[in-house]
Amino acid sequence: EDGYSVSYIIGVPIGQTMTVDLNVPLGSAALEIWGFNDGQNYVSRFDNWTSFHITTPIGQDFLIEVYPNTGGTVNFTLNITIQ
């Protein structure tokens, strides 16, 4: 069973580029990213993504979640850049 996720919410204005990088030991955690306004699932944790970038077609808040794959505690660094 998976461990508990850690969630972050970040607002990104229209036309900005958001880059998300999750630094973890290989296979220990994955990202899940949802758009609040459009309801779109941009990244599924089941695909085991640890990096993502998008140039936003609309300004919106994003829900960024880090899910551990090991069922326990995972040490991680999450870098989010908006330009």
N, C-alpha and C. Protein backbone atom coordinates (compact mmCIF):
# COMPACT_ATOMS: atom_id res chain seq x y z
N GLU A 1 0.85 -1.19 0.00
CA GLU A 1 0.00 0.00 0.00
C GLU A 1 0.89 1.24 0.00
N ASP A 2 0.44 2.25 -0.71
CA ASP A 2 1.21 3.49 -0.78
C ASP A 2 1.17 4.23 0.54
N GLY A 3 2.19 5.05 0.78
CA GLY A 3 2.22 5.90 1.96
C GLY A 3 1.37 7.14 1.73
N TYR A 4 1.40 8.06 2.66
CA TYR A 4 0.62 9.29 2.56
C TYR A 4 1.28 10.28 1.61
N SER A 5 0.44 10.98 0.86
CA SER A 5 0.96 11.99 -0.06
C SER A 5 1.18 13.31 0.67
N VAL A 6 2.00 14.15 0.06
CA VAL A 6 2.23 15.51 0.53
C VAL A 6 1.76 16.42 -0.60
N SER A 7 0.90 17.41 -0.27
CA SER A 7 0.28 18.24 -1.30
C SER A 7 0.72 19.69 -1.21
N TYR A 8 0.82 20.31 -2.38
CA TYR A 8 1.16 21.72 -2.51
C TYR A 8 0.21 22.34 -3.53
N ILE A 9 -0.13 23.61 -3.34
CA ILE A 9 -0.94 24.34 -4.31
C ILE A 9 -0.15 25.57 -4.73
N ILE A 10 -0.08 25.78 -6.04
CA ILE A 10 0.67 26.92 -6.55
C ILE A 10 -0.11 27.55 -7.71
N GLY A 11 -0.21 28.88 -7.69
CA GLY A 11 -0.88 29.61 -8.77
C GLY A 11 0.11 29.99 -9.85
N VAL A 12 -0.30 29.78 -11.10
CA VAL A 12 0.57 30.10 -12.23
C VAL A 12 -0.22 30.98 -13.20
N PRO A 13 0.28 32.19 -13.49
CA PRO A 13 -0.40 33.09 -14.43
C PRO A 13 -0.37 32.55 -15.87
N ILE A 14 -1.30 33.02 -16.68
CA ILE A 14 -1.38 32.63 -18.09
C ILE A 14 -0.06 32.95 -18.80
N GLY A 15 0.38 32.01 -19.65
CA GLY A 15 1.57 32.22 -20.46
C GLY A 15 2.89 31.98 -19.76
N GLN A 16 2.86 31.65 -18.48
CA GLN A 16 4.10 31.38 -17.74
C GLN A 16 4.46 29.90 -17.87
N THR A 17 5.74 29.60 -17.74
CA THR A 17 6.20 28.21 -17.78
C THR A 17 6.49 27.74 -16.36
N MET A 18 5.83 26.64 -15.98
CA MET A 18 6.06 26.03 -14.67
C MET A 18 6.87 24.74 -14.89
N THR A 19 7.96 24.62 -14.14
CA THR A 19 8.77 23.40 -14.15
C THR A 19 8.76 22.81 -12.75
N VAL A 20 8.48 21.52 -12.67
CA VAL A 20 8.43 20.81 -11.39
C VAL A 20 9.43 19.66 -11.46
N ASP A 21 10.36 19.62 -10.50
CA ASP A 21 11.35 18.54 -10.43
C ASP A 21 11.32 17.94 -9.03
N LEU A 22 11.05 16.64 -8.98
CA LEU A 22 11.05 15.89 -7.73
C LEU A 22 12.34 15.10 -7.65
N ASN A 23 13.15 15.39 -6.63
CA ASN A 23 14.42 14.68 -6.44
C ASN A 23 14.25 13.66 -5.33
N VAL A 24 14.26 12.37 -5.74
CA VAL A 24 14.09 11.25 -4.82
C VAL A 24 14.94 10.08 -5.32
N PRO A 25 15.21 9.10 -4.44
CA PRO A 25 15.85 7.88 -4.94
C PRO A 25 14.96 7.23 -6.00
N LEU A 26 15.56 6.68 -7.03
CA LEU A 26 14.85 6.10 -8.16
C LEU A 26 13.71 5.17 -7.72
N GLY A 27 12.51 5.46 -8.20
CA GLY A 27 11.36 4.59 -7.95
C GLY A 27 10.71 4.72 -6.59
N SER A 28 11.18 5.66 -5.75
CA SER A 28 10.65 5.73 -4.38
C SER A 28 9.42 6.62 -4.24
N ALA A 29 9.19 7.53 -5.20
CA ALA A 29 8.03 8.43 -5.15
C ALA A 29 7.74 8.95 -6.55
N ALA A 30 6.52 9.49 -6.71
CA ALA A 30 6.11 10.02 -8.01
C ALA A 30 5.22 11.24 -7.83
N LEU A 31 5.11 12.03 -8.89
CA LEU A 31 4.28 13.23 -8.90
C LEU A 31 2.87 12.94 -9.39
N GLU A 32 1.91 13.70 -8.88
CA GLU A 32 0.57 13.78 -9.45
C GLU A 32 0.25 15.28 -9.51
N ILE A 33 -0.20 15.77 -10.68
CA ILE A 33 -0.45 17.20 -10.86
C ILE A 33 -1.81 17.39 -11.51
N TRP A 34 -2.63 18.23 -10.85
CA TRP A 34 -3.98 18.56 -11.34
C TRP A 34 -4.12 20.06 -11.52
N GLY A 35 -4.88 20.47 -12.53
CA GLY A 35 -5.26 21.86 -12.70
C GLY A 35 -6.60 22.09 -12.02
N PHE A 36 -6.71 23.15 -11.21
CA PHE A 36 -7.97 23.43 -10.51
C PHE A 36 -9.05 23.95 -11.46
N ASN A 37 -8.72 24.90 -12.32
CA ASN A 37 -9.74 25.51 -13.17
C ASN A 37 -10.23 24.57 -14.27
N ASP A 38 -9.30 23.86 -14.91
CA ASP A 38 -9.70 22.99 -16.02
C ASP A 38 -9.96 21.55 -15.58
N GLY A 39 -9.62 21.20 -14.34
CA GLY A 39 -9.88 19.85 -13.83
C GLY A 39 -9.05 18.77 -14.48
N GLN A 40 -8.02 19.16 -15.21
CA GLN A 40 -7.21 18.19 -15.95
C GLN A 40 -6.15 17.54 -15.07
N ASN A 41 -5.98 16.24 -15.24
CA ASN A 41 -4.89 15.50 -14.59
C ASN A 41 -3.70 15.54 -15.54
N TYR A 42 -2.72 16.38 -15.24
CA TYR A 42 -1.56 16.56 -16.12
C TYR A 42 -0.52 15.45 -15.94
N VAL A 43 -0.37 14.97 -14.72
CA VAL A 43 0.60 13.92 -14.42
C VAL A 43 -0.05 12.94 -13.45
N SER A 44 -0.01 11.65 -13.79
CA SER A 44 -0.54 10.62 -12.91
C SER A 44 0.60 9.94 -12.16
N ARG A 45 0.40 9.74 -10.87
CA ARG A 45 1.44 9.08 -10.07
C ARG A 45 1.73 7.67 -10.56
N PHE A 46 0.77 7.06 -11.25
CA PHE A 46 0.95 5.68 -11.71
C PHE A 46 1.92 5.59 -12.90
N ASP A 47 2.24 6.75 -13.48
CA ASP A 47 3.24 6.78 -14.56
C ASP A 47 4.65 7.01 -14.03
N ASN A 48 4.77 7.22 -12.71
CA ASN A 48 6.06 7.38 -12.02
C ASN A 48 6.89 8.56 -12.54
N TRP A 49 6.23 9.66 -12.89
CA TRP A 49 6.94 10.86 -13.33
C TRP A 49 7.57 11.57 -12.15
N THR A 50 8.77 12.10 -12.36
CA THR A 50 9.43 12.91 -11.34
C THR A 50 9.79 14.30 -11.86
N SER A 51 9.38 14.59 -13.12
CA SER A 51 9.66 15.89 -13.71
C SER A 51 8.52 16.26 -14.65
N PHE A 52 8.21 17.56 -14.71
CA PHE A 52 7.10 18.02 -15.54
C PHE A 52 7.29 19.50 -15.83
N HIS A 53 6.91 19.92 -17.05
CA HIS A 53 6.88 21.36 -17.33
C HIS A 53 5.72 21.66 -18.28
N ILE A 54 5.18 22.87 -18.14
CA ILE A 54 4.06 23.30 -18.96
C ILE A 54 4.12 24.82 -19.11
N THR A 55 3.75 25.30 -20.30
CA THR A 55 3.48 26.72 -20.49
C THR A 55 1.96 26.85 -20.41
N THR A 56 1.47 27.58 -19.44
CA THR A 56 0.04 27.56 -19.11
C THR A 56 -0.80 28.31 -20.15
N PRO A 57 -1.81 27.61 -20.71
CA PRO A 57 -2.72 28.25 -21.65
C PRO A 57 -3.75 29.14 -20.93
N ILE A 58 -3.97 28.88 -19.64
CA ILE A 58 -4.84 29.71 -18.80
C ILE A 58 -4.15 29.89 -17.46
N GLY A 59 -4.44 30.98 -16.77
CA GLY A 59 -3.93 31.13 -15.41
C GLY A 59 -4.76 30.27 -14.48
N GLN A 60 -4.11 29.50 -13.63
CA GLN A 60 -4.85 28.66 -12.70
C GLN A 60 -3.95 28.18 -11.57
N ASP A 61 -4.58 27.63 -10.54
CA ASP A 61 -3.86 26.98 -9.46
C ASP A 61 -3.63 25.53 -9.86
N PHE A 62 -2.49 25.00 -9.45
CA PHE A 62 -2.17 23.60 -9.68
C PHE A 62 -2.01 22.90 -8.33
N LEU A 63 -2.57 21.70 -8.22
CA LEU A 63 -2.37 20.83 -7.07
C LEU A 63 -1.24 19.89 -7.44
N ILE A 64 -0.14 19.98 -6.69
CA ILE A 64 1.04 19.14 -6.93
C ILE A 64 1.18 18.21 -5.73
N GLU A 65 1.14 16.90 -5.99
CA GLU A 65 1.23 15.92 -4.91
C GLU A 65 2.43 15.02 -5.12
N VAL A 66 3.09 14.69 -4.01
CA VAL A 66 4.20 13.74 -4.02
C VAL A 66 3.70 12.47 -3.32
N TYR A 67 3.69 11.36 -4.06
CA TYR A 67 3.22 10.08 -3.53
C TYR A 67 4.39 9.12 -3.36
N PRO A 68 4.63 8.62 -2.13
CA PRO A 68 5.67 7.60 -1.96
C PRO A 68 5.19 6.27 -2.53
N ASN A 69 6.08 5.55 -3.20
CA ASN A 69 5.74 4.24 -3.77
C ASN A 69 6.06 3.10 -2.82
N THR A 70 6.73 3.40 -1.73
CA THR A 70 7.22 2.35 -0.86
C THR A 70 6.31 2.05 0.32
N GLY A 71 5.25 2.85 0.50
CA GLY A 71 4.37 2.64 1.65
C GLY A 71 4.92 3.22 2.93
N GLY A 72 6.03 3.92 2.86
CA GLY A 72 6.64 4.48 4.06
C GLY A 72 7.06 5.92 3.85
N THR A 73 8.05 6.34 4.61
CA THR A 73 8.57 7.70 4.53
C THR A 73 9.62 7.81 3.44
N VAL A 74 9.54 8.89 2.68
CA VAL A 74 10.51 9.14 1.61
C VAL A 74 11.06 10.55 1.79
N ASN A 75 12.37 10.69 1.82
CA ASN A 75 12.99 12.00 1.83
C ASN A 75 13.03 12.51 0.40
N PHE A 76 12.60 13.77 0.21
CA PHE A 76 12.59 14.31 -1.14
C PHE A 76 12.84 15.81 -1.12
N THR A 77 13.23 16.32 -2.29
CA THR A 77 13.32 17.75 -2.54
C THR A 77 12.44 18.03 -3.73
N LEU A 78 11.57 19.05 -3.61
CA LEU A 78 10.69 19.43 -4.70
C LEU A 78 11.06 20.84 -5.13
N ASN A 79 11.48 20.98 -6.39
CA ASN A 79 11.83 22.30 -6.95
C ASN A 79 10.76 22.70 -7.94
N ILE A 80 10.17 23.89 -7.72
CA ILE A 80 9.16 24.43 -8.62
C ILE A 80 9.63 25.79 -9.09
N THR A 81 9.69 25.97 -10.41
CA THR A 81 10.13 27.22 -11.00
C THR A 81 9.02 27.74 -11.91
N ILE A 82 8.74 29.06 -11.79
CA ILE A 82 7.77 29.70 -12.68
C ILE A 82 8.48 30.88 -13.34
N GLN A 83 8.44 30.93 -14.66
CA GLN A 83 9.13 32.00 -15.39
C GLN A 83 8.21 32.58 -16.45
